Amino acid sequence: EAEIQALAKFPNENPNPVLRVTQDGILLYANPASVDLIRGWNCSVGERLPDIWRKLVLETLNFGLPQEAEVACGERLFVLTFAPIMESGYVNLYGRDITEYKRAEAALKRSESFSRSIIENEPECVKIVGAEGILKYMNPAGLAMIEVEDLAVVAGHSVYPIVVPEHREAFIDLTKKVL
């Protein structure tokens, strides 16, 4: 009995939103962490969810497969997993705060864009070489140096002829034949 009582507290102790919704879109349960979310939906336990969420609940039950959707809640962003409980005719929603993940993802994209811009505009040759000396990338200055306009022409080839001067002419001839 003590174990059952402890397990019954489990959703309430979860720091993320946990909700249960009927196939008609009626909110049956919302743990304390769901308060801001359902307030944003202008809904409370015993009431219907907004149409967009009711449709997702119905789709989840019709297909019998979990679905995910992102939802903003104030300044936080959550991903909600809609998990169908087919035999009972309702859907459990499990929220996970992805705000920091999305911020980090945006920062990474900005950083990559900045780095790419530096490399693309570098007046000297910049190349990225993979395993066994295979060229993965060369910036526009490097391509101009070997008189090639399209990276696809040289990517995947050995970089050896590019960096060893006596082989450079042969490499340029090879790339011009490919063009």
Protein backbone atom coordinates (compact mmCIF):
# COMPACT_ATOMS: atom_id res chain seq x y z
CA GLU A 1 0.00 0.00 0.00
CA ALA A 2 2.88 2.38 0.82
CA GLU A 3 4.47 1.60 -2.54
CA ILE A 4 1.22 2.32 -4.37
CA GLN A 5 0.90 5.65 -2.55
CA ALA A 6 4.51 6.52 -3.39
CA LEU A 7 3.96 5.67 -7.07
CA ALA A 8 0.75 7.72 -7.13
CA LYS A 9 2.81 10.79 -6.14
CA PHE A 10 5.21 10.25 -9.01
CA PRO A 11 3.53 12.57 -11.60
CA ASN A 12 3.09 15.33 -9.01
CA GLU A 13 6.79 15.20 -8.16
CA ASN A 14 7.86 15.49 -11.79
CA PRO A 15 9.39 18.93 -12.48
CA ASN A 16 8.06 18.75 -16.07
CA PRO A 17 4.46 18.96 -17.28
CA VAL A 18 2.43 15.75 -17.13
CA LEU A 19 -1.16 15.84 -18.38
CA ARG A 20 -3.92 13.39 -19.26
CA VAL A 21 -6.52 14.22 -21.92
CA THR A 22 -9.59 12.30 -23.11
CA GLN A 23 -10.28 11.60 -26.78
CA ASP A 24 -12.78 14.49 -26.63
CA GLY A 25 -10.01 16.86 -25.56
CA ILE A 26 -11.08 17.16 -21.92
CA LEU A 27 -8.16 17.75 -19.57
CA LEU A 28 -8.44 15.07 -16.86
CA TYR A 29 -5.21 15.72 -15.00
CA ALA A 30 -2.38 18.25 -14.90
CA ASN A 31 0.50 18.06 -12.44
CA PRO A 32 1.77 21.21 -10.67
CA ALA A 33 4.50 21.73 -13.30
CA SER A 34 1.74 22.10 -15.93
CA VAL A 35 0.18 25.21 -14.38
CA ASP A 36 1.79 27.78 -16.69
CA LEU A 37 1.15 25.61 -19.74
CA ILE A 38 -2.58 25.19 -19.16
CA ARG A 39 -2.89 28.82 -18.08
CA GLY A 40 -1.43 29.74 -21.48
CA TRP A 41 -4.06 27.56 -23.11
CA ASN A 42 -6.72 29.34 -21.05
CA CYS A 43 -7.86 25.97 -19.76
CA SER A 44 -8.13 24.05 -16.50
CA VAL A 45 -8.79 20.48 -15.39
CA GLY A 46 -12.28 19.39 -16.51
CA GLU A 47 -12.30 21.73 -19.53
CA ARG A 48 -11.55 21.21 -23.22
CA LEU A 49 -8.13 21.97 -24.65
CA PRO A 50 -7.83 24.45 -27.54
CA ASP A 51 -8.62 22.97 -30.99
CA ILE A 52 -5.00 22.56 -32.11
CA TRP A 53 -4.21 20.32 -29.12
CA ARG A 54 -7.51 18.41 -29.33
CA LYS A 55 -6.68 17.55 -32.95
CA LEU A 56 -3.27 16.21 -31.92
CA VAL A 57 -4.85 14.12 -29.18
CA LEU A 58 -7.35 12.66 -31.65
CA GLU A 59 -4.63 11.98 -34.27
CA THR A 60 -2.51 10.26 -31.62
CA LEU A 61 -5.38 7.96 -30.69
CA ASN A 62 -6.36 7.32 -34.33
CA PHE A 63 -2.85 6.31 -35.34
CA GLY A 64 -1.98 4.69 -32.02
CA LEU A 65 1.52 6.15 -32.15
CA PRO A 66 3.25 8.77 -30.01
CA GLN A 67 3.69 12.24 -31.50
CA GLU A 68 5.66 15.29 -30.46
CA ALA A 69 4.89 18.98 -30.68
CA GLU A 70 6.68 22.10 -29.49
CA VAL A 71 4.84 24.68 -27.45
CA ALA A 72 5.92 28.04 -26.07
CA CYS A 73 5.00 28.79 -22.50
CA GLY A 74 6.03 32.30 -21.59
CA GLU A 75 9.75 32.49 -22.25
CA ARG A 76 10.15 28.70 -22.04
CA LEU A 77 9.85 26.21 -24.88
CA PHE A 78 8.61 22.69 -24.29
CA VAL A 79 8.35 19.60 -26.42
CA LEU A 80 5.22 17.63 -25.57
CA THR A 81 5.12 13.91 -26.21
CA PHE A 82 1.58 12.70 -26.86
CA ALA A 83 1.48 9.06 -25.71
CA PRO A 84 -1.70 7.13 -26.60
CA ILE A 85 -3.22 4.87 -23.95
CA MET A 86 -5.41 3.00 -26.39
CA GLU A 87 -7.23 0.65 -24.01
CA SER A 88 -8.37 3.59 -21.86
CA GLY A 89 -9.13 6.04 -24.67
CA TYR A 90 -6.96 8.88 -23.44
CA VAL A 91 -3.58 10.43 -24.16
CA ASN A 92 -0.86 11.24 -21.67
CA LEU A 93 1.20 14.32 -22.44
CA TYR A 94 4.75 14.46 -21.14
CA GLY A 95 6.54 17.79 -21.37
CA ARG A 96 10.25 18.45 -21.52
CA ASP A 97 11.77 21.92 -21.29
CA ILE A 98 13.99 22.45 -24.36
CA THR A 99 14.59 26.18 -23.92
CA GLU A 100 18.31 25.89 -23.17
CA TYR A 101 18.80 23.31 -25.91
CA LYS A 102 17.20 25.64 -28.48
CA ARG A 103 19.29 28.57 -27.27
CA ALA A 104 22.47 26.51 -27.55
CA GLU A 105 21.42 25.31 -31.00
CA ALA A 106 20.88 28.91 -32.17
CA ALA A 107 24.24 29.98 -30.71
CA LEU A 108 25.96 27.09 -32.49
CA LYS A 109 24.36 28.09 -35.81
CA ARG A 110 25.52 31.68 -35.34
CA SER A 111 29.03 30.47 -34.49
CA GLU A 112 29.14 28.15 -37.50
CA SER A 113 27.93 30.94 -39.77
CA PHE A 114 30.57 33.30 -38.39
CA SER A 115 33.35 30.71 -38.81
CA ARG A 116 32.19 29.86 -42.33
CA SER A 117 32.20 33.55 -43.22
CA ILE A 118 35.78 33.95 -41.99
CA ILE A 119 36.98 30.92 -43.94
CA GLU A 120 35.08 31.83 -47.10
CA ASN A 121 36.54 35.35 -47.09
CA GLU A 122 40.11 34.39 -46.13
CA PRO A 123 42.42 35.53 -48.96
CA GLU A 124 44.74 32.54 -48.41
CA CYS A 125 43.98 28.93 -49.22
CA VAL A 126 42.10 27.09 -46.49
CA LYS A 127 41.42 23.40 -46.91
CA ILE A 128 39.96 20.67 -44.77
CA VAL A 129 41.55 17.31 -45.31
CA GLY A 130 40.05 14.05 -44.09
CA ALA A 131 41.45 10.59 -43.65
CA GLU A 132 44.31 9.55 -45.91
CA GLY A 133 44.74 13.06 -47.29
CA ILE A 134 41.35 13.26 -49.03
CA LEU A 135 40.17 16.83 -49.61
CA LYS A 136 36.84 17.60 -47.93
CA TYR A 137 36.69 21.37 -48.41
CA MET A 138 38.65 24.22 -49.95
CA ASN A 139 37.73 27.88 -49.69
CA PRO A 140 37.23 30.12 -52.77
CA ALA A 141 40.80 31.51 -52.54
CA GLY A 142 42.19 27.97 -52.65
CA LEU A 143 39.97 27.02 -55.56
CA ALA A 144 41.08 30.14 -57.45
CA MET A 145 44.70 29.20 -56.78
CA ILE A 146 44.25 25.90 -58.62
CA GLU A 147 41.95 27.50 -61.22
CA VAL A 148 38.83 25.56 -60.23
CA GLU A 149 35.46 27.19 -59.61
CA ASP A 150 33.46 24.28 -58.17
CA LEU A 151 34.48 22.49 -54.97
CA ALA A 152 32.72 19.33 -56.18
CA VAL A 153 35.42 18.96 -58.84
CA VAL A 154 38.22 18.54 -56.29
CA ALA A 155 36.44 17.28 -53.16
CA GLY A 156 37.09 13.61 -52.61
CA HIS A 157 40.50 13.69 -54.33
CA SER A 158 43.87 13.32 -52.67
CA VAL A 159 45.31 16.61 -51.49
CA TYR A 160 48.87 15.35 -52.14
CA PRO A 161 49.14 16.84 -55.67
CA ILE A 162 47.95 20.21 -54.36
CA VAL A 163 50.57 20.54 -51.65
CA VAL A 164 53.53 19.02 -53.52
CA PRO A 165 54.45 21.58 -56.21
CA GLU A 166 55.82 19.11 -58.76
CA HIS A 167 52.41 17.36 -58.81
CA ARG A 168 50.31 20.52 -58.89
CA GLU A 169 50.20 20.81 -62.70
CA ALA A 170 48.99 17.22 -63.03
CA PHE A 171 46.28 17.90 -60.45
CA ILE A 172 45.11 21.01 -62.34
CA ASP A 173 45.01 19.00 -65.57
CA LEU A 174 42.97 16.29 -63.84
CA THR A 175 40.42 18.78 -62.51
CA LYS A 176 40.07 20.48 -65.90
CA LYS A 177 39.34 17.08 -67.51
CA VAL A 178 36.61 16.48 -64.94
CA LEU A 179 35.08 19.85 -65.80
